[in-house]
Amino acid sequence: VQLQASGGGLVQAGGSLRLSCTASGRAFSTYNMGWFRQAPGKEREFVAAISWSGGTIKYADSVKGRFTISRDNANNTVYLQMNSLEPEDTAVYYCAVHRNQRNYSDYADARSYGYWGQGTQVTVSS
């Protein structure tokens, strides 16, 4: 599986960005997906996750109410709409495919994801 993330950039605090992550292959509709981020000098952290059907969605507390994850299985793409951005949101954002379709309970653990995109930089200026 190859993942291509895009949509990052430089934005002022309070602004918005929409990240996209497109997957190769025909099995995208069976993948549970996640977005993570990593700021300089920090560990990679969970941002949001969405189940293969879109029926289960989870967010980190730090982004709840500001970010929205969604997916378009017909176009093999998962999105992360980011509103009310803050300087603390500055990081490289990664999309990933979870290893297990049936058991998604460890959605916030980066070790549970088997395929990763290359990352897209998001920079929020104050």
N, C-alpha and C. Protein backbone atom coordinates (compact mmCIF):
# COMPACT_ATOMS: atom_id res chain seq x y z
N VAL A 1 0.85 -1.19 0.00
CA VAL A 1 0.00 0.00 0.00
C VAL A 1 0.89 1.24 0.00
N GLN A 2 0.60 2.14 -0.90
CA GLN A 2 1.32 3.42 -0.92
C GLN A 2 0.34 4.53 -0.59
N LEU A 3 0.77 5.43 0.26
CA LEU A 3 -0.06 6.53 0.70
C LEU A 3 0.61 7.84 0.31
N GLN A 4 -0.17 8.74 -0.24
CA GLN A 4 0.34 10.04 -0.66
C GLN A 4 -0.46 11.12 0.04
N ALA A 5 0.21 11.83 0.95
CA ALA A 5 -0.44 12.91 1.69
C ALA A 5 -0.14 14.25 1.04
N SER A 6 -1.10 15.14 1.10
CA SER A 6 -0.93 16.48 0.53
C SER A 6 -1.83 17.46 1.27
N GLY A 7 -1.63 18.75 0.97
CA GLY A 7 -2.50 19.77 1.52
C GLY A 7 -1.90 20.60 2.63
N GLY A 8 -0.69 20.26 3.06
CA GLY A 8 -0.06 21.05 4.10
C GLY A 8 0.38 22.41 3.58
N GLY A 9 0.83 23.25 4.50
CA GLY A 9 1.28 24.57 4.12
C GLY A 9 1.45 25.47 5.32
N LEU A 10 1.62 26.75 5.02
CA LEU A 10 1.78 27.77 6.05
C LEU A 10 0.47 28.55 6.17
N VAL A 11 -0.01 28.68 7.40
CA VAL A 11 -1.27 29.38 7.63
C VAL A 11 -1.18 30.15 8.93
N GLN A 12 -1.91 31.23 9.02
CA GLN A 12 -1.93 32.01 10.25
C GLN A 12 -2.84 31.35 11.28
N ALA A 13 -2.57 31.63 12.54
CA ALA A 13 -3.42 31.11 13.60
C ALA A 13 -4.88 31.51 13.35
N GLY A 14 -5.77 30.56 13.57
CA GLY A 14 -7.17 30.78 13.30
C GLY A 14 -7.60 30.34 11.92
N GLY A 15 -6.64 30.05 11.07
CA GLY A 15 -6.93 29.63 9.71
C GLY A 15 -7.26 28.16 9.59
N SER A 16 -7.43 27.74 8.35
CA SER A 16 -7.84 26.36 8.07
C SER A 16 -6.98 25.74 6.97
N LEU A 17 -6.88 24.44 7.04
CA LEU A 17 -6.25 23.64 5.99
C LEU A 17 -7.00 22.33 5.86
N ARG A 18 -6.93 21.75 4.68
CA ARG A 18 -7.52 20.43 4.46
C ARG A 18 -6.45 19.50 3.92
N LEU A 19 -6.14 18.49 4.68
CA LEU A 19 -5.18 17.49 4.25
C LEU A 19 -5.90 16.35 3.55
N SER A 20 -5.21 15.80 2.55
CA SER A 20 -5.73 14.64 1.83
C SER A 20 -4.68 13.53 1.86
N CYS A 21 -5.16 12.31 1.83
CA CYS A 21 -4.27 11.15 1.79
C CYS A 21 -4.91 10.13 0.85
N THR A 22 -4.22 9.87 -0.25
CA THR A 22 -4.74 8.95 -1.25
C THR A 22 -3.93 7.66 -1.22
N ALA A 23 -4.64 6.54 -1.24
CA ALA A 23 -3.99 5.23 -1.16
C ALA A 23 -4.04 4.53 -2.51
N SER A 24 -3.03 3.73 -2.74
CA SER A 24 -3.00 2.89 -3.94
C SER A 24 -3.80 1.62 -3.69
N GLY A 25 -4.09 0.91 -4.75
CA GLY A 25 -4.72 -0.39 -4.62
C GLY A 25 -6.24 -0.35 -4.55
N ARG A 26 -6.83 -1.54 -4.46
CA ARG A 26 -8.27 -1.68 -4.53
C ARG A 26 -8.92 -1.98 -3.19
N ALA A 27 -8.12 -2.08 -2.13
CA ALA A 27 -8.66 -2.50 -0.85
C ALA A 27 -8.88 -1.36 0.13
N PHE A 28 -8.81 -0.14 -0.36
CA PHE A 28 -8.90 1.02 0.55
C PHE A 28 -10.15 0.98 1.40
N SER A 29 -11.25 0.54 0.83
CA SER A 29 -12.53 0.55 1.56
C SER A 29 -12.54 -0.42 2.73
N THR A 30 -11.53 -1.26 2.86
CA THR A 30 -11.44 -2.18 3.98
C THR A 30 -10.47 -1.69 5.06
N TYR A 31 -9.82 -0.56 4.83
CA TYR A 31 -8.79 -0.08 5.76
C TYR A 31 -9.36 0.84 6.82
N ASN A 32 -8.97 0.59 8.05
CA ASN A 32 -9.15 1.59 9.10
C ASN A 32 -7.96 2.55 9.00
N MET A 33 -8.23 3.84 9.04
CA MET A 33 -7.20 4.84 8.76
C MET A 33 -6.98 5.77 9.94
N GLY A 34 -5.77 6.32 9.99
CA GLY A 34 -5.47 7.26 11.06
C GLY A 34 -4.61 8.42 10.56
N TRP A 35 -4.69 9.53 11.26
CA TRP A 35 -3.80 10.67 11.05
C TRP A 35 -2.99 10.85 12.35
N PHE A 36 -1.72 11.05 12.18
CA PHE A 36 -0.81 11.33 13.28
C PHE A 36 -0.01 12.58 12.93
N ARG A 37 0.66 13.13 13.92
CA ARG A 37 1.53 14.27 13.66
C ARG A 37 2.76 14.18 14.53
N GLN A 38 3.82 14.82 14.05
CA GLN A 38 5.06 14.84 14.80
C GLN A 38 5.69 16.21 14.69
N ALA A 39 5.84 16.86 15.83
CA ALA A 39 6.50 18.15 15.90
C ALA A 39 7.99 17.94 16.19
N PRO A 40 8.82 18.90 15.84
CA PRO A 40 10.26 18.76 16.08
C PRO A 40 10.57 18.46 17.55
N GLY A 41 11.35 17.44 17.78
CA GLY A 41 11.75 17.09 19.13
C GLY A 41 10.71 16.37 19.94
N LYS A 42 9.59 16.04 19.30
CA LYS A 42 8.51 15.36 20.03
C LYS A 42 8.20 14.02 19.38
N GLU A 43 7.52 13.18 20.13
CA GLU A 43 7.11 11.89 19.59
C GLU A 43 5.90 12.05 18.68
N ARG A 44 5.74 11.08 17.83
CA ARG A 44 4.57 11.08 16.96
C ARG A 44 3.32 10.89 17.81
N GLU A 45 2.29 11.68 17.55
CA GLU A 45 1.09 11.61 18.36
C GLU A 45 -0.15 11.42 17.50
N PHE A 46 -1.11 10.76 18.09
CA PHE A 46 -2.38 10.50 17.43
C PHE A 46 -3.17 11.79 17.26
N VAL A 47 -3.84 11.91 16.10
CA VAL A 47 -4.69 13.06 15.83
C VAL A 47 -6.14 12.63 15.65
N ALA A 48 -6.37 11.71 14.71
CA ALA A 48 -7.74 11.29 14.41
C ALA A 48 -7.71 9.93 13.72
N ALA A 49 -8.84 9.23 13.81
CA ALA A 49 -8.95 7.92 13.17
C ALA A 49 -10.36 7.72 12.66
N ILE A 50 -10.47 6.93 11.61
CA ILE A 50 -11.77 6.63 11.03
C ILE A 50 -11.78 5.17 10.60
N SER A 51 -12.85 4.48 10.90
CA SER A 51 -12.97 3.09 10.54
C SER A 51 -13.21 2.92 9.05
N TRP A 52 -13.12 1.69 8.57
CA TRP A 52 -13.22 1.42 7.14
C TRP A 52 -14.55 1.90 6.57
N SER A 53 -15.61 1.82 7.35
CA SER A 53 -16.92 2.24 6.87
C SER A 53 -17.21 3.71 7.13
N GLY A 54 -16.36 4.33 7.94
CA GLY A 54 -16.64 5.70 8.36
C GLY A 54 -17.56 5.77 9.55
N GLY A 55 -17.98 4.62 10.06
CA GLY A 55 -18.94 4.62 11.14
C GLY A 55 -18.37 4.90 12.51
N THR A 56 -17.07 4.73 12.66
CA THR A 56 -16.41 5.02 13.93
C THR A 56 -15.32 6.05 13.70
N ILE A 57 -15.40 7.13 14.44
CA ILE A 57 -14.44 8.23 14.32
C ILE A 57 -13.96 8.60 15.71
N LYS A 58 -12.66 8.81 15.82
CA LYS A 58 -12.05 9.18 17.09
C LYS A 58 -11.12 10.37 16.89
N TYR A 59 -11.00 11.19 17.93
CA TYR A 59 -10.11 12.35 17.89
C TYR A 59 -9.29 12.44 19.18
N ALA A 60 -8.12 13.00 19.03
CA ALA A 60 -7.36 13.38 20.21
C ALA A 60 -8.07 14.56 20.87
N ASP A 61 -7.97 14.65 22.17
CA ASP A 61 -8.64 15.74 22.89
C ASP A 61 -8.16 17.10 22.41
N SER A 62 -6.91 17.19 22.01
CA SER A 62 -6.33 18.48 21.62
C SER A 62 -6.91 19.03 20.32
N VAL A 63 -7.56 18.19 19.51
CA VAL A 63 -8.10 18.66 18.24
C VAL A 63 -9.62 18.53 18.16
N LYS A 64 -10.22 17.94 19.17
CA LYS A 64 -11.65 17.71 19.15
C LYS A 64 -12.39 19.05 19.03
N GLY A 65 -13.35 19.08 18.11
CA GLY A 65 -14.11 20.30 17.89
C GLY A 65 -13.49 21.23 16.87
N ARG A 66 -12.24 20.98 16.49
CA ARG A 66 -11.56 21.82 15.50
C ARG A 66 -11.24 21.04 14.22
N PHE A 67 -10.92 19.75 14.35
CA PHE A 67 -10.55 18.93 13.20
C PHE A 67 -11.67 17.95 12.89
N THR A 68 -11.79 17.61 11.60
CA THR A 68 -12.78 16.63 11.17
C THR A 68 -12.12 15.66 10.20
N ILE A 69 -12.23 14.38 10.51
CA ILE A 69 -11.72 13.35 9.61
C ILE A 69 -12.88 12.78 8.81
N SER A 70 -12.62 12.49 7.55
CA SER A 70 -13.64 11.89 6.69
C SER A 70 -12.94 11.06 5.63
N ARG A 71 -13.74 10.32 4.88
CA ARG A 71 -13.15 9.49 3.84
C ARG A 71 -14.07 9.37 2.65
N ASP A 72 -13.48 9.10 1.50
CA ASP A 72 -14.20 8.87 0.25
C ASP A 72 -13.66 7.56 -0.31
N ASN A 73 -14.35 6.49 -0.05
CA ASN A 73 -13.85 5.18 -0.46
C ASN A 73 -13.84 5.02 -1.98
N ALA A 74 -14.71 5.71 -2.66
CA ALA A 74 -14.74 5.62 -4.11
C ALA A 74 -13.47 6.19 -4.74
N ASN A 75 -12.84 7.13 -4.02
CA ASN A 75 -11.63 7.77 -4.53
C ASN A 75 -10.39 7.45 -3.70
N ASN A 76 -10.50 6.44 -2.86
CA ASN A 76 -9.34 5.96 -2.08
C ASN A 76 -8.68 7.07 -1.27
N THR A 77 -9.47 7.95 -0.70
CA THR A 77 -8.91 9.13 -0.04
C THR A 77 -9.50 9.34 1.35
N VAL A 78 -8.65 9.70 2.27
CA VAL A 78 -9.08 10.13 3.60
C VAL A 78 -8.65 11.58 3.77
N TYR A 79 -9.48 12.35 4.46
CA TYR A 79 -9.26 13.78 4.62
C TYR A 79 -9.13 14.16 6.09
N LEU A 80 -8.47 15.27 6.31
CA LEU A 80 -8.43 15.87 7.63
C LEU A 80 -8.65 17.36 7.46
N GLN A 81 -9.86 17.80 7.79
CA GLN A 81 -10.18 19.22 7.75
C GLN A 81 -9.77 19.83 9.09
N MET A 82 -8.91 20.84 9.02
CA MET A 82 -8.37 21.45 10.23
C MET A 82 -8.78 22.91 10.27
N ASN A 83 -9.58 23.25 11.26
CA ASN A 83 -10.05 24.63 11.45
C ASN A 83 -9.49 25.20 12.75
N SER A 84 -9.58 26.50 12.88
CA SER A 84 -9.12 27.19 14.10
C SER A 84 -7.71 26.72 14.48
N LEU A 85 -6.85 26.72 13.51
CA LEU A 85 -5.50 26.21 13.75
C LEU A 85 -4.75 27.08 14.74
N GLU A 86 -3.91 26.41 15.51
CA GLU A 86 -3.11 27.07 16.54
C GLU A 86 -1.63 26.78 16.28
N PRO A 87 -0.74 27.65 16.75
CA PRO A 87 0.70 27.37 16.57
C PRO A 87 1.11 25.99 17.08
N GLU A 88 0.43 25.50 18.10
CA GLU A 88 0.73 24.18 18.65
C GLU A 88 0.39 23.05 17.70
N ASP A 89 -0.34 23.33 16.64
CA ASP A 89 -0.67 22.32 15.63
C ASP A 89 0.45 22.15 14.61
N THR A 90 1.47 22.98 14.69
CA THR A 90 2.59 22.89 13.76
C THR A 90 3.29 21.54 13.89
N ALA A 91 3.38 20.82 12.78
CA ALA A 91 3.97 19.47 12.79
C ALA A 91 3.96 18.92 11.37
N VAL A 92 4.62 17.80 11.21
CA VAL A 92 4.46 17.00 10.00
C VAL A 92 3.30 16.04 10.26
N TYR A 93 2.34 16.03 9.36
CA TYR A 93 1.17 15.19 9.50
C TYR A 93 1.29 13.96 8.60
N TYR A 94 0.98 12.81 9.20
CA TYR A 94 1.08 11.54 8.50
C TYR A 94 -0.26 10.81 8.50
N CYS A 95 -0.56 10.19 7.37
CA CYS A 95 -1.70 9.27 7.35
C CYS A 95 -1.16 7.85 7.40
N ALA A 96 -1.99 6.93 7.87
CA ALA A 96 -1.54 5.56 8.05
C ALA A 96 -2.69 4.59 7.97
N VAL A 97 -2.36 3.35 7.62
CA VAL A 97 -3.32 2.27 7.53
C VAL A 97 -3.16 1.36 8.75
N HIS A 98 -4.25 1.13 9.45
CA HIS A 98 -4.23 0.25 10.62
C HIS A 98 -4.04 -1.19 10.17
N ARG A 99 -3.38 -1.98 11.05
CA ARG A 99 -3.06 -3.36 10.68
C ARG A 99 -4.25 -4.29 10.70
N ASN A 100 -5.28 -3.95 11.45
CA ASN A 100 -6.36 -4.90 11.72
C ASN A 100 -7.71 -4.29 11.39
N GLN A 101 -8.44 -4.92 10.47
CA GLN A 101 -9.74 -4.39 10.10
C GLN A 101 -10.78 -4.62 11.19
N ARG A 102 -10.71 -5.77 11.88
CA ARG A 102 -11.77 -6.14 12.83
C ARG A 102 -11.58 -5.49 14.20
N ASN A 103 -10.35 -5.45 14.67
CA ASN A 103 -10.09 -4.92 16.01
C ASN A 103 -9.38 -3.58 15.89
N TYR A 104 -10.10 -2.53 16.11
CA TYR A 104 -9.61 -1.17 15.90
C TYR A 104 -9.44 -0.44 17.22
N SER A 105 -9.50 -1.16 18.33
CA SER A 105 -9.51 -0.54 19.65
C SER A 105 -8.21 0.21 19.97
N ASP A 106 -7.12 -0.15 19.34
CA ASP A 106 -5.84 0.51 19.59
C ASP A 106 -5.55 1.57 18.53
N TYR A 107 -6.58 2.27 18.10
CA TYR A 107 -6.47 3.24 17.02
C TYR A 107 -5.49 4.37 17.33
N ALA A 108 -5.23 4.67 18.59
CA ALA A 108 -4.35 5.78 18.96
C ALA A 108 -2.88 5.38 19.08
N ASP A 109 -2.58 4.12 18.90
CA ASP A 109 -1.22 3.61 19.04
C ASP A 109 -0.57 3.53 17.67
N ALA A 110 0.46 4.33 17.46
CA ALA A 110 1.13 4.36 16.15
C ALA A 110 1.70 2.99 15.77
N ARG A 111 2.03 2.16 16.75
CA ARG A 111 2.60 0.84 16.46
C ARG A 111 1.57 -0.09 15.83
N SER A 112 0.30 0.28 15.88
CA SER A 112 -0.76 -0.55 15.31
C SER A 112 -0.99 -0.29 13.83
N TYR A 113 -0.24 0.61 13.28
CA TYR A 113 -0.39 0.98 11.87
C TYR A 113 0.77 0.41 11.07
N GLY A 114 0.42 -0.17 9.92
CA GLY A 114 1.44 -0.87 9.17
C GLY A 114 1.98 -0.14 7.96
N TYR A 115 1.22 0.81 7.45
CA TYR A 115 1.65 1.57 6.28
C TYR A 115 1.50 3.06 6.58
N TRP A 116 2.50 3.81 6.15
CA TRP A 116 2.54 5.25 6.43
C TRP A 116 2.81 6.04 5.16
N GLY A 117 2.19 7.19 5.08
CA GLY A 117 2.51 8.12 4.02
C GLY A 117 3.78 8.88 4.34
N GLN A 118 4.19 9.74 3.43
CA GLN A 118 5.46 10.44 3.57
C GLN A 118 5.38 11.67 4.46
N GLY A 119 4.20 12.09 4.79
CA GLY A 119 4.01 13.25 5.64
C GLY A 119 3.88 14.54 4.86
N THR A 120 3.14 15.46 5.44
CA THR A 120 2.98 16.79 4.85
C THR A 120 3.11 17.82 5.97
N GLN A 121 3.90 18.86 5.71
CA GLN A 121 4.21 19.84 6.74
C GLN A 121 3.07 20.85 6.91
N VAL A 122 2.69 21.05 8.15
CA VAL A 122 1.72 22.09 8.50
C VAL A 122 2.41 23.06 9.45
N THR A 123 2.42 24.33 9.08
CA THR A 123 3.03 25.35 9.92
C THR A 123 2.01 26.44 10.20
N VAL A 124 1.78 26.70 11.48
CA VAL A 124 0.81 27.71 11.88
C VAL A 124 1.56 28.84 12.57
N SER A 125 1.46 30.01 11.99
CA SER A 125 2.15 31.18 12.56
C SER A 125 1.23 31.94 13.51
N SER A 126 1.84 32.55 14.51
CA SER A 126 1.04 33.28 15.51
C SER A 126 0.86 34.74 15.12
